[in-house]
Amino acid sequence: MNVPRVETMAALSVIDQTLTAIEKEHDVTILLATEYGSRRWGMASESSDYDVKFVFVYNQWKKYISIEGHQDCIKRTTEDKHYDFCGLDIRKALTLFRRNDVSILEMLHSTVVYRKAQSFVDFLLSFQSHEGVVDTLRRHFYCMTADPTKWLAKGVDYSGDGRRETIKQMTYIAKYSCMYLLISKTALNQCLDWPSIDSIFDLAKPYVPSSVMDASWTVVDWKRRGIVPPKAEMLSAAAAIKEYVGVIDAMHAASPYAKHPKQIDAAPLDAYIWKLFTNPLPVVTMYTGTTPPTTPPTTPPTTPPITPPITPPTTPPTTSSSTDTV
């Protein structure tokens, strides 16, 4: 399946203008801004909204020691309700990151990037092999599978809007059950590098019954196309997906995750914050599409490149008398 790219230049313009307005209004610099919702995983329909998460730092470090305190979370929604923005202050973001918070990890691995300070991202990615990450991801994936399953068990609403919500919940179950399975089978702590739901399903194929895989593809297709299928088809897909959740429950019972995964040492995170306060802020690259440049420049060139003069040949080239093939 092809992942639909529904991002438009108009949408990117709205996002960029809103982020710029937030920076000016709150006197902050945004170090990282990425897509977080269904568009990040390639499951969006044309009517899906944009969920933008970002990490910011106040330009005046005295803000952090002021007796008035500082705002550690900035939220904004556009008038048409089509764009949701949620930003975390650097201290709050790193506090969550220290606990291996999945929302921060997903931001680092998002395939849709709006702004990024490469040095900031590289610093955080240097901790992704931390031993607590796998346990945290397993716990998160299992909970994200169990919660919508409980919702689905209460009874499926087959009214117009109810069906759409049911499809949304089934996509969550399908996605997170496959992710839980993969991280449990392979202990893969880089699973968030997967660019879309398609890659997750492709990797899970060897471990998942074909009936469940077919049902998973079906509900994601419904979600992408924004359609409401007949009740019988929804019942069939829901039955297949819920049956497989029992397999996930059995795996979890046999090998439960650690309830209190080991945290990242606070010292290097504190040192990084101090570095931000005592040095110029890192260069932030603004992106206008879903495929950012691989390595943004750290400093702009001070002088234009010099083109060396072309030295003419000392002797004229010999002319062949035979016919050459061009």
C-alpha atoms as a PDB file:
ATOM      1  CA  MET A   1       0.000   0.000   0.000  1.00  0.00           C
ATOM      2  CA  ASN A   2       1.080   3.562  -0.667  1.00  0.00           C
ATOM      3  CA  VAL A   3       1.006   6.056   2.173  1.00  0.00           C
ATOM      4  CA  PRO A   4      -1.068   9.087   1.096  1.00  0.00           C
ATOM      5  CA  ARG A   5       0.778  12.370   1.435  1.00  0.00           C
ATOM      6  CA  VAL A   6      -1.954  14.875   2.211  1.00  0.00           C
ATOM      7  CA  GLU A   7       0.290  17.641   3.528  1.00  0.00           C
ATOM      8  CA  THR A   8      -0.114  20.754   1.382  1.00  0.00           C
ATOM      9  CA  MET A   9       1.894  23.934   1.086  1.00  0.00           C
ATOM     10  CA  ALA A  10      -1.064  25.826   2.551  1.00  0.00           C
ATOM     11  CA  ALA A  11      -1.026  23.592   5.641  1.00  0.00           C
ATOM     12  CA  LEU A  12       2.737  23.917   6.028  1.00  0.00           C
ATOM     13  CA  SER A  13       2.388  27.688   5.775  1.00  0.00           C
ATOM     14  CA  VAL A  14      -0.199  27.741   8.576  1.00  0.00           C
ATOM     15  CA  ILE A  15       2.041  25.589  10.774  1.00  0.00           C
ATOM     16  CA  ASP A  16       5.120  27.717  10.130  1.00  0.00           C
ATOM     17  CA  GLN A  17       3.262  30.985  10.764  1.00  0.00           C
ATOM     18  CA  THR A  18       1.752  29.647  13.997  1.00  0.00           C
ATOM     19  CA  LEU A  19       5.106  28.418  15.312  1.00  0.00           C
ATOM     20  CA  THR A  20       6.696  31.774  14.456  1.00  0.00           C
ATOM     21  CA  ALA A  21       3.877  33.610  16.241  1.00  0.00           C
ATOM     22  CA  ILE A  22       4.351  31.440  19.334  1.00  0.00           C
ATOM     23  CA  GLU A  23       8.083  32.205  19.370  1.00  0.00           C
ATOM     24  CA  LYS A  24       7.465  35.952  19.198  1.00  0.00           C
ATOM     25  CA  GLU A  25       4.601  35.997  21.675  1.00  0.00           C
ATOM     26  CA  HIS A  26       6.399  33.974  24.360  1.00  0.00           C
ATOM     27  CA  ASP A  27      10.008  35.006  23.525  1.00  0.00           C
ATOM     28  CA  VAL A  28      11.115  31.410  22.991  1.00  0.00           C
ATOM     29  CA  THR A  29      13.097  29.404  20.446  1.00  0.00           C
ATOM     30  CA  ILE A  30      11.569  26.175  19.178  1.00  0.00           C
ATOM     31  CA  LEU A  31      14.242  23.450  19.058  1.00  0.00           C
ATOM     32  CA  LEU A  32      12.079  20.693  17.596  1.00  0.00           C
ATOM     33  CA  ALA A  33       8.600  20.604  16.057  1.00  0.00           C
ATOM     34  CA  THR A  34       7.149  17.453  14.506  1.00  0.00           C
ATOM     35  CA  GLU A  35       3.886  15.822  13.493  1.00  0.00           C
ATOM     36  CA  TYR A  36       2.566  13.535  16.199  1.00  0.00           C
ATOM     37  CA  GLY A  37      -0.832  12.136  15.198  1.00  0.00           C
ATOM     38  CA  SER A  38      -2.201   9.993  12.414  1.00  0.00           C
ATOM     39  CA  ARG A  39      -0.302  11.921   9.746  1.00  0.00           C
ATOM     40  CA  ARG A  40       2.981  10.844  11.324  1.00  0.00           C
ATOM     41  CA  TRP A  41       2.017   7.183  10.880  1.00  0.00           C
ATOM     42  CA  GLY A  42       0.499   7.516   7.408  1.00  0.00           C
ATOM     43  CA  MET A  43      -3.032   6.802   8.631  1.00  0.00           C
ATOM     44  CA  ALA A  44      -4.611  10.188   7.962  1.00  0.00           C
ATOM     45  CA  SER A  45      -7.658  10.875   5.844  1.00  0.00           C
ATOM     46  CA  GLU A  46      -8.182  14.151   4.021  1.00  0.00           C
ATOM     47  CA  SER A  47     -10.223  15.459   6.960  1.00  0.00           C
ATOM     48  CA  SER A  48      -7.669  14.510   9.639  1.00  0.00           C
ATOM     49  CA  ASP A  49      -6.320  17.387  11.678  1.00  0.00           C
ATOM     50  CA  TYR A  50      -2.684  18.237  12.279  1.00  0.00           C
ATOM     51  CA  ASP A  51      -1.138  17.438  15.675  1.00  0.00           C
ATOM     52  CA  VAL A  52       2.077  19.404  16.095  1.00  0.00           C
ATOM     53  CA  LYS A  53       4.275  18.855  19.151  1.00  0.00           C
ATOM     54  CA  PHE A  54       7.315  20.966  19.891  1.00  0.00           C
ATOM     55  CA  VAL A  55      10.063  21.598  22.445  1.00  0.00           C
ATOM     56  CA  PHE A  56      11.050  25.185  23.236  1.00  0.00           C
ATOM     57  CA  VAL A  57      13.545  27.104  25.355  1.00  0.00           C
ATOM     58  CA  TYR A  58      13.080  30.627  26.712  1.00  0.00           C
ATOM     59  CA  ASN A  59      15.454  33.133  25.130  1.00  0.00           C
ATOM     60  CA  GLN A  60      15.979  34.836  28.500  1.00  0.00           C
ATOM     61  CA  TRP A  61      17.444  32.301  30.939  1.00  0.00           C
ATOM     62  CA  LYS A  62      16.435  34.521  33.879  1.00  0.00           C
ATOM     63  CA  LYS A  63      12.906  33.362  33.182  1.00  0.00           C
ATOM     64  CA  TYR A  64      13.840  30.059  34.831  1.00  0.00           C
ATOM     65  CA  ILE A  65      14.903  31.622  38.125  1.00  0.00           C
ATOM     66  CA  SER A  66      12.194  34.275  38.344  1.00  0.00           C
ATOM     67  CA  ILE A  67      10.030  34.096  41.435  1.00  0.00           C
ATOM     68  CA  GLU A  68       7.011  34.354  39.132  1.00  0.00           C
ATOM     69  CA  GLY A  69       7.937  31.054  37.568  1.00  0.00           C
ATOM     70  CA  HIS A  70       7.554  30.250  33.891  1.00  0.00           C
ATOM     71  CA  GLN A  71       5.042  28.565  31.618  1.00  0.00           C
ATOM     72  CA  ASP A  72       6.273  25.041  30.893  1.00  0.00           C
ATOM     73  CA  CYS A  73       3.550  24.127  28.386  1.00  0.00           C
ATOM     74  CA  ILE A  74       2.191  26.144  25.459  1.00  0.00           C
ATOM     75  CA  LYS A  75      -0.985  25.042  23.697  1.00  0.00           C
ATOM     76  CA  ARG A  76      -2.759  26.564  20.733  1.00  0.00           C
ATOM     77  CA  THR A  77      -5.557  25.547  18.391  1.00  0.00           C
ATOM     78  CA  THR A  78      -6.457  27.382  15.201  1.00  0.00           C
ATOM     79  CA  GLU A  79      -9.941  28.809  14.769  1.00  0.00           C
ATOM     80  CA  ASP A  80     -10.959  26.074  12.330  1.00  0.00           C
ATOM     81  CA  LYS A  81      -9.874  23.398  14.877  1.00  0.00           C
ATOM     82  CA  HIS A  82      -7.775  21.773  12.152  1.00  0.00           C
ATOM     83  CA  TYR A  83      -4.377  22.437  13.748  1.00  0.00           C
ATOM     84  CA  ASP A  84      -3.455  21.550  17.324  1.00  0.00           C
ATOM     85  CA  PHE A  85      -0.145  22.695  18.817  1.00  0.00           C
ATOM     86  CA  CYS A  86       1.349  21.517  22.100  1.00  0.00           C
ATOM     87  CA  GLY A  87       4.796  22.617  23.242  1.00  0.00           C
ATOM     88  CA  LEU A  88       6.942  21.633  26.217  1.00  0.00           C
ATOM     89  CA  ASP A  89       9.619  23.740  27.846  1.00  0.00           C
ATOM     90  CA  ILE A  90      13.118  22.224  27.640  1.00  0.00           C
ATOM     91  CA  ARG A  91      13.204  21.405  31.367  1.00  0.00           C
ATOM     92  CA  LYS A  92       9.838  19.665  31.289  1.00  0.00           C
ATOM     93  CA  ALA A  93      10.728  17.841  28.071  1.00  0.00           C
ATOM     94  CA  LEU A  94      14.027  16.541  29.464  1.00  0.00           C
ATOM     95  CA  THR A  95      12.364  15.556  32.741  1.00  0.00           C
ATOM     96  CA  LEU A  96       9.946  13.398  30.743  1.00  0.00           C
ATOM     97  CA  PHE A  97      12.761  12.151  28.516  1.00  0.00           C
ATOM     98  CA  ARG A  98      14.708  11.042  31.587  1.00  0.00           C
ATOM     99  CA  ARG A  99      11.800   8.716  32.394  1.00  0.00           C
ATOM    100  CA  ASN A 100      11.899   7.363  28.804  1.00  0.00           C
ATOM    101  CA  ASP A 101       8.607   9.113  28.054  1.00  0.00           C
ATOM    102  CA  VAL A 102       7.246   7.735  24.784  1.00  0.00           C
ATOM    103  CA  SER A 103       5.840  11.052  23.554  1.00  0.00           C
ATOM    104  CA  ILE A 104       9.355  12.544  23.483  1.00  0.00           C
ATOM    105  CA  LEU A 105      10.769   9.422  21.822  1.00  0.00           C
ATOM    106  CA  GLU A 106       8.078   9.567  19.130  1.00  0.00           C
ATOM    107  CA  MET A 107       8.918  13.209  18.445  1.00  0.00           C
ATOM    108  CA  LEU A 108      12.569  12.328  17.901  1.00  0.00           C
ATOM    109  CA  HIS A 109      11.650   9.663  15.360  1.00  0.00           C
ATOM    110  CA  SER A 110       8.813  11.445  13.573  1.00  0.00           C
ATOM    111  CA  THR A 111       9.087  11.359   9.787  1.00  0.00           C
ATOM    112  CA  VAL A 112       7.260  14.692   9.411  1.00  0.00           C
ATOM    113  CA  VAL A 113       9.510  17.448  10.755  1.00  0.00           C
ATOM    114  CA  TYR A 114       8.679  21.168  10.783  1.00  0.00           C
ATOM    115  CA  ARG A 115      11.638  22.540  12.743  1.00  0.00           C
ATOM    116  CA  LYS A 116      14.746  20.893  14.111  1.00  0.00           C
ATOM    117  CA  ALA A 117      17.965  21.820  15.875  1.00  0.00           C
ATOM    118  CA  GLN A 118      20.100  18.902  14.742  1.00  0.00           C
ATOM    119  CA  SER A 119      22.510  19.113  17.665  1.00  0.00           C
ATOM    120  CA  PHE A 120      19.597  18.902  20.131  1.00  0.00           C
ATOM    121  CA  VAL A 121      18.153  15.825  18.403  1.00  0.00           C
ATOM    122  CA  ASP A 122      21.569  14.153  18.174  1.00  0.00           C
ATOM    123  CA  PHE A 123      22.110  14.682  21.897  1.00  0.00           C
ATOM    124  CA  LEU A 124      18.824  12.995  22.813  1.00  0.00           C
ATOM    125  CA  LEU A 125      19.296  10.154  20.335  1.00  0.00           C
ATOM    126  CA  SER A 126      22.592   9.311  22.024  1.00  0.00           C
ATOM    127  CA  PHE A 127      20.515   7.890  24.912  1.00  0.00           C
ATOM    128  CA  GLN A 128      18.146   5.727  22.857  1.00  0.00           C
ATOM    129  CA  SER A 129      20.052   2.522  23.690  1.00  0.00           C
ATOM    130  CA  HIS A 130      19.423   3.109  27.402  1.00  0.00           C
ATOM    131  CA  GLU A 131      18.294  -0.114  29.063  1.00  0.00           C
ATOM    132  CA  GLY A 132      15.060   1.400  30.363  1.00  0.00           C
ATOM    133  CA  VAL A 133      13.769   2.271  26.895  1.00  0.00           C
ATOM    134  CA  VAL A 134      12.665  -1.240  25.905  1.00  0.00           C
ATOM    135  CA  ASP A 135      10.693  -1.814  29.111  1.00  0.00           C
ATOM    136  CA  THR A 136       9.052   1.583  28.788  1.00  0.00           C
ATOM    137  CA  LEU A 137       8.063   0.942  25.174  1.00  0.00           C
ATOM    138  CA  ARG A 138       6.654  -2.480  25.997  1.00  0.00           C
ATOM    139  CA  ARG A 139       4.551  -0.994  28.786  1.00  0.00           C
ATOM    140  CA  HIS A 140       3.316   1.801  26.525  1.00  0.00           C
ATOM    141  CA  PHE A 141       2.466  -0.471  23.590  1.00  0.00           C
ATOM    142  CA  TYR A 142       0.626  -2.926  25.825  1.00  0.00           C
ATOM    143  CA  CYS A 143      -1.436  -0.186  27.484  1.00  0.00           C
ATOM    144  CA  MET A 144      -2.238   1.390  24.131  1.00  0.00           C
ATOM    145  CA  THR A 145      -3.506  -2.032  23.014  1.00  0.00           C
ATOM    146  CA  ALA A 146      -5.457  -2.791  26.184  1.00  0.00           C
ATOM    147  CA  ASP A 147      -7.245   0.539  26.607  1.00  0.00           C
ATOM    148  CA  PRO A 148      -9.058   0.618  23.232  1.00  0.00           C
ATOM    149  CA  THR A 149      -9.779  -3.103  23.593  1.00  0.00           C
ATOM    150  CA  LYS A 150     -11.669  -2.381  26.822  1.00  0.00           C
ATOM    151  CA  TRP A 151     -13.509   0.401  25.010  1.00  0.00           C
ATOM    152  CA  LEU A 152     -14.386  -1.971  22.176  1.00  0.00           C
ATOM    153  CA  ALA A 153     -15.561  -4.642  24.620  1.00  0.00           C
ATOM    154  CA  LYS A 154     -18.258  -2.316  25.955  1.00  0.00           C
ATOM    155  CA  GLY A 155     -20.101  -2.652  22.668  1.00  0.00           C
ATOM    156  CA  VAL A 156     -19.578  -1.221  19.225  1.00  0.00           C
ATOM    157  CA  ASP A 157     -21.560   1.856  18.269  1.00  0.00           C
ATOM    158  CA  TYR A 158     -22.652   1.439  14.652  1.00  0.00           C
ATOM    159  CA  SER A 159     -24.211   4.865  14.227  1.00  0.00           C
ATOM    160  CA  GLY A 160     -22.528   7.260  11.768  1.00  0.00           C
ATOM    161  CA  ASP A 161     -20.041   8.969  14.090  1.00  0.00           C
ATOM    162  CA  GLY A 162     -19.843   5.876  16.286  1.00  0.00           C
ATOM    163  CA  ARG A 163     -18.539   3.779  13.414  1.00  0.00           C
ATOM    164  CA  ARG A 164     -15.772   6.277  12.691  1.00  0.00           C
ATOM    165  CA  GLU A 165     -14.666   6.210  16.331  1.00  0.00           C
ATOM    166  CA  THR A 166     -14.784   2.400  16.287  1.00  0.00           C
ATOM    167  CA  ILE A 167     -12.529   2.338  13.207  1.00  0.00           C
ATOM    168  CA  LYS A 168     -10.123   4.727  14.925  1.00  0.00           C
ATOM    169  CA  GLN A 169      -9.948   2.510  18.024  1.00  0.00           C
ATOM    170  CA  MET A 170      -9.395  -0.605  15.912  1.00  0.00           C
ATOM    171  CA  THR A 171      -6.468   1.048  14.113  1.00  0.00           C
ATOM    172  CA  TYR A 172      -4.906   1.752  17.520  1.00  0.00           C
ATOM    173  CA  ILE A 173      -5.311  -1.886  18.538  1.00  0.00           C
ATOM    174  CA  ALA A 174      -3.858  -3.153  15.253  1.00  0.00           C
ATOM    175  CA  LYS A 175      -0.879  -0.778  15.319  1.00  0.00           C
ATOM    176  CA  TYR A 176       0.130  -1.129  18.958  1.00  0.00           C
ATOM    177  CA  SER A 177      -0.412  -4.874  19.159  1.00  0.00           C
ATOM    178  CA  CYS A 178       1.993  -5.318  16.238  1.00  0.00           C
ATOM    179  CA  MET A 179       4.494  -2.937  17.841  1.00  0.00           C
ATOM    180  CA  TYR A 180       4.259  -4.781  21.166  1.00  0.00           C
ATOM    181  CA  LEU A 181       4.771  -8.064  19.363  1.00  0.00           C
ATOM    182  CA  LEU A 182       7.819  -6.827  17.467  1.00  0.00           C
ATOM    183  CA  ILE A 183       9.581  -5.296  20.461  1.00  0.00           C
ATOM    184  CA  SER A 184       8.871  -8.443  22.514  1.00  0.00           C
ATOM    185  CA  LYS A 185      10.128 -10.790  19.808  1.00  0.00           C
ATOM    186  CA  THR A 186      13.200  -8.819  18.820  1.00  0.00           C
ATOM    187  CA  ALA A 187      13.899  -6.501  21.822  1.00  0.00           C
ATOM    188  CA  LEU A 188      14.152  -3.787  19.213  1.00  0.00           C
ATOM    189  CA  ASN A 189      14.531  -0.422  20.950  1.00  0.00           C
ATOM    190  CA  GLN A 190      14.579   1.528  17.698  1.00  0.00           C
ATOM    191  CA  CYS A 191      11.058   0.579  16.681  1.00  0.00           C
ATOM    192  CA  LEU A 192       9.997   4.213  16.507  1.00  0.00           C
ATOM    193  CA  ASP A 193      12.242   4.613  13.462  1.00  0.00           C
ATOM    194  CA  TRP A 194       9.544   2.899  11.410  1.00  0.00           C
ATOM    195  CA  PRO A 195       8.261   5.518   8.977  1.00  0.00           C
ATOM    196  CA  SER A 196       4.621   4.412   8.809  1.00  0.00           C
ATOM    197  CA  ILE A 197       2.014   1.858   9.784  1.00  0.00           C
ATOM    198  CA  ASP A 198       2.830   0.064   6.526  1.00  0.00           C
ATOM    199  CA  SER A 199       6.369  -0.758   7.630  1.00  0.00           C
ATOM    200  CA  ILE A 200       5.103  -1.967  11.016  1.00  0.00           C
ATOM    201  CA  PHE A 201       2.616  -4.353   9.401  1.00  0.00           C
ATOM    202  CA  ASP A 202       5.229  -5.610   6.927  1.00  0.00           C
ATOM    203  CA  LEU A 203       7.622  -6.498   9.759  1.00  0.00           C
ATOM    204  CA  ALA A 204       4.846  -8.128  11.800  1.00  0.00           C
ATOM    205  CA  LYS A 205       3.658 -10.405   8.991  1.00  0.00           C
ATOM    206  CA  PRO A 206       5.799 -13.424  10.012  1.00  0.00           C
ATOM    207  CA  TYR A 207       4.318 -13.388  13.531  1.00  0.00           C
ATOM    208  CA  VAL A 208       0.672 -12.516  12.901  1.00  0.00           C
ATOM    209  CA  PRO A 209      -2.047 -14.820  11.460  1.00  0.00           C
ATOM    210  CA  SER A 210      -3.046 -13.792   7.959  1.00  0.00           C
ATOM    211  CA  SER A 211      -6.672 -13.241   9.008  1.00  0.00           C
ATOM    212  CA  VAL A 212      -5.586 -10.705  11.623  1.00  0.00           C
ATOM    213  CA  MET A 213      -3.184  -9.033   9.207  1.00  0.00           C
ATOM    214  CA  ASP A 214      -5.909  -8.725   6.567  1.00  0.00           C
ATOM    215  CA  ALA A 215      -8.286  -7.208   9.119  1.00  0.00           C
ATOM    216  CA  SER A 216      -5.595  -4.755  10.227  1.00  0.00           C
ATOM    217  CA  TRP A 217      -4.929  -3.603   6.677  1.00  0.00           C
ATOM    218  CA  THR A 218      -8.667  -3.253   6.125  1.00  0.00           C
ATOM    219  CA  VAL A 219      -9.361  -0.972   9.090  1.00  0.00           C
ATOM    220  CA  VAL A 220      -6.365   1.234   8.252  1.00  0.00           C
ATOM    221  CA  ASP A 221      -7.656   1.532   4.699  1.00  0.00           C
ATOM    222  CA  TRP A 222     -11.072   2.569   6.046  1.00  0.00           C
ATOM    223  CA  LYS A 223      -9.386   5.176   8.226  1.00  0.00           C
ATOM    224  CA  ARG A 224      -7.323   6.600   5.372  1.00  0.00           C
ATOM    225  CA  ARG A 225     -10.230   6.803   2.973  1.00  0.00           C
ATOM    226  CA  GLY A 226     -12.592   8.176   5.592  1.00  0.00           C
ATOM    227  CA  ILE A 227     -15.328   5.669   4.730  1.00  0.00           C
ATOM    228  CA  VAL A 228     -17.932   3.977   6.910  1.00  0.00           C
ATOM    229  CA  PRO A 229     -18.202   0.275   5.897  1.00  0.00           C
ATOM    230  CA  PRO A 230     -21.239  -1.957   6.372  1.00  0.00           C
ATOM    231  CA  LYS A 231     -21.881  -3.272   9.866  1.00  0.00           C
ATOM    232  CA  ALA A 232     -21.134  -6.887   8.908  1.00  0.00           C
ATOM    233  CA  GLU A 233     -17.644  -5.979   7.646  1.00  0.00           C
ATOM    234  CA  MET A 234     -16.877  -4.046  10.819  1.00  0.00           C
ATOM    235  CA  LEU A 235     -18.010  -6.951  12.982  1.00  0.00           C
ATOM    236  CA  SER A 236     -15.766  -9.335  11.079  1.00  0.00           C
ATOM    237  CA  ALA A 237     -12.699  -7.064  11.357  1.00  0.00           C
ATOM    238  CA  ALA A 238     -13.320  -6.353  15.049  1.00  0.00           C
ATOM    239  CA  ALA A 239     -13.641 -10.065  15.846  1.00  0.00           C
ATOM    240  CA  ALA A 240     -10.319 -10.895  14.164  1.00  0.00           C
ATOM    241  CA  ILE A 241      -8.439  -8.070  15.876  1.00  0.00           C
ATOM    242  CA  LYS A 242      -9.905  -8.727  19.338  1.00  0.00           C
ATOM    243  CA  GLU A 243      -9.010 -12.413  19.039  1.00  0.00           C
ATOM    244  CA  TYR A 244      -5.373 -11.531  18.500  1.00  0.00           C
ATOM    245  CA  VAL A 245      -5.359  -9.250  21.543  1.00  0.00           C
ATOM    246  CA  GLY A 246      -5.734 -12.461  23.575  1.00  0.00           C
ATOM    247  CA  VAL A 247      -2.371 -13.591  22.188  1.00  0.00           C
ATOM    248  CA  ILE A 248      -0.805 -10.290  23.294  1.00  0.00           C
ATOM    249  CA  ASP A 249      -2.317 -10.702  26.763  1.00  0.00           C
ATOM    250  CA  ALA A 250      -0.802 -14.187  27.041  1.00  0.00           C
ATOM    251  CA  MET A 251       2.623 -12.884  26.003  1.00  0.00           C
ATOM    252  CA  HIS A 252       2.379 -10.115  28.557  1.00  0.00           C
ATOM    253  CA  ALA A 253       1.402 -12.528  31.348  1.00  0.00           C
ATOM    254  CA  ALA A 254       4.360 -14.782  30.526  1.00  0.00           C
ATOM    255  CA  SER A 255       6.877 -11.930  30.396  1.00  0.00           C
ATOM    256  CA  PRO A 256       5.609  -8.806  32.162  1.00  0.00           C
ATOM    257  CA  TYR A 257       7.439  -5.540  31.710  1.00  0.00           C
ATOM    258  CA  ALA A 258       9.318  -3.844  34.523  1.00  0.00           C
ATOM    259  CA  LYS A 259       6.952  -1.554  36.416  1.00  0.00           C
ATOM    260  CA  HIS A 260       9.725   0.897  37.223  1.00  0.00           C
ATOM    261  CA  PRO A 261      12.206   1.004  34.303  1.00  0.00           C
ATOM    262  CA  LYS A 262      15.620   2.465  35.000  1.00  0.00           C
ATOM    263  CA  GLN A 263      15.807   6.206  34.396  1.00  0.00           C
ATOM    264  CA  ILE A 264      18.431   8.135  32.491  1.00  0.00           C
ATOM    265  CA  ASP A 265      21.073   9.827  34.640  1.00  0.00           C
ATOM    266  CA  ALA A 266      20.126  13.464  35.229  1.00  0.00           C
ATOM    267  CA  ALA A 267      23.698  14.826  35.152  1.00  0.00           C
ATOM    268  CA  PRO A 268      24.197  14.973  31.362  1.00  0.00           C
ATOM    269  CA  LEU A 269      20.700  16.410  30.891  1.00  0.00           C
ATOM    270  CA  ASP A 270      21.418  19.141  33.455  1.00  0.00           C
ATOM    271  CA  ALA A 271      24.713  19.851  31.725  1.00  0.00           C
ATOM    272  CA  TYR A 272      22.947  20.250  28.388  1.00  0.00           C
ATOM    273  CA  ILE A 273      20.464  22.771  29.826  1.00  0.00           C
ATOM    274  CA  TRP A 274      23.333  24.748  31.337  1.00  0.00           C
ATOM    275  CA  LYS A 275      25.068  24.698  27.961  1.00  0.00           C
ATOM    276  CA  LEU A 276      21.959  26.191  26.360  1.00  0.00           C
ATOM    277  CA  PHE A 277      21.980  29.025  28.907  1.00  0.00           C
ATOM    278  CA  THR A 278      25.691  29.817  28.610  1.00  0.00           C
ATOM    279  CA  ASN A 279      26.199  29.480  24.838  1.00  0.00           C
ATOM    280  CA  PRO A 280      24.441  30.695  21.697  1.00  0.00           C
ATOM    281  CA  LEU A 281      21.339  28.634  20.953  1.00  0.00           C
ATOM    282  CA  PRO A 282      21.787  25.899  18.336  1.00  0.00           C
ATOM    283  CA  VAL A 283      20.888  26.532  14.711  1.00  0.00           C
ATOM    284  CA  VAL A 284      17.294  25.571  13.970  1.00  0.00           C
ATOM    285  CA  THR A 285      16.364  24.456  10.475  1.00  0.00           C
ATOM    286  CA  MET A 286      12.860  25.093   9.166  1.00  0.00           C
ATOM    287  CA  TYR A 287      11.439  22.472   6.837  1.00  0.00           C
ATOM    288  CA  THR A 288       8.716  22.880   4.256  1.00  0.00           C
ATOM    289  CA  GLY A 289       8.016  19.258   3.427  1.00  0.00           C
ATOM    290  CA  THR A 290       8.012  15.703   4.687  1.00  0.00           C
ATOM    291  CA  THR A 291      11.560  14.940   3.475  1.00  0.00           C
ATOM    292  CA  PRO A 292      14.020  17.241   5.287  1.00  0.00           C
ATOM    293  CA  PRO A 293      17.624  17.724   4.202  1.00  0.00           C
ATOM    294  CA  THR A 294      19.893  15.116   5.719  1.00  0.00           C
ATOM    295  CA  THR A 295      22.390  17.430   7.394  1.00  0.00           C
ATOM    296  CA  PRO A 296      21.398  21.050   7.964  1.00  0.00           C
ATOM    297  CA  PRO A 297      24.344  23.488   8.100  1.00  0.00           C
ATOM    298  CA  THR A 298      25.578  24.433  11.553  1.00  0.00           C
ATOM    299  CA  THR A 299      26.832  27.894  10.509  1.00  0.00           C
ATOM    300  CA  PRO A 300      26.118  29.952   7.391  1.00  0.00           C
ATOM    301  CA  PRO A 301      29.067  30.467   5.024  1.00  0.00           C
ATOM    302  CA  THR A 302      30.854  33.770   5.619  1.00  0.00           C
ATOM    303  CA  THR A 303      32.152  34.170   2.081  1.00  0.00           C
ATOM    304  CA  PRO A 304      30.907  32.823  -1.232  1.00  0.00           C
ATOM    305  CA  PRO A 305      32.851  29.899  -2.657  1.00  0.00           C
ATOM    306  CA  ILE A 306      35.701  30.828  -4.949  1.00  0.00           C
ATOM    307  CA  THR A 307      35.663  29.246  -8.388  1.00  0.00           C
ATOM    308  CA  PRO A 308      39.217  28.499  -9.540  1.00  0.00           C
ATOM    309  CA  PRO A 309      40.119  29.788 -13.014  1.00  0.00           C
ATOM    310  CA  ILE A 310      40.078  27.305 -15.842  1.00  0.00           C
ATOM    311  CA  THR A 311      43.542  26.803 -17.287  1.00  0.00           C
ATOM    312  CA  PRO A 312      43.466  26.335 -21.067  1.00  0.00           C
ATOM    313  CA  PRO A 313      45.323  23.331 -22.441  1.00  0.00           C
ATOM    314  CA  THR A 314      48.938  24.035 -23.439  1.00  0.00           C
ATOM    315  CA  THR A 315      48.633  22.063 -26.660  1.00  0.00           C
ATOM    316  CA  PRO A 316      45.624  21.806 -28.955  1.00  0.00           C
ATOM    317  CA  PRO A 317      43.851  18.467 -28.932  1.00  0.00           C
ATOM    318  CA  THR A 318      44.683  16.146 -31.784  1.00  0.00           C
ATOM    319  CA  THR A 319      41.959  15.573 -34.352  1.00  0.00           C
ATOM    320  CA  SER A 320      41.322  11.974 -35.263  1.00  0.00           C
ATOM    321  CA  SER A 321      40.886  11.245 -38.928  1.00  0.00           C
ATOM    322  CA  SER A 322      38.622   8.275 -38.259  1.00  0.00           C
ATOM    323  CA  THR A 323      34.931   8.678 -37.505  1.00  0.00           C
ATOM    324  CA  ASP A 324      34.159   8.627 -33.788  1.00  0.00           C
ATOM    325  CA  THR A 325      30.967   7.306 -32.293  1.00  0.00           C
ATOM    326  CA  VAL A 326      29.204  10.046 -30.308  1.00  0.00           C
END
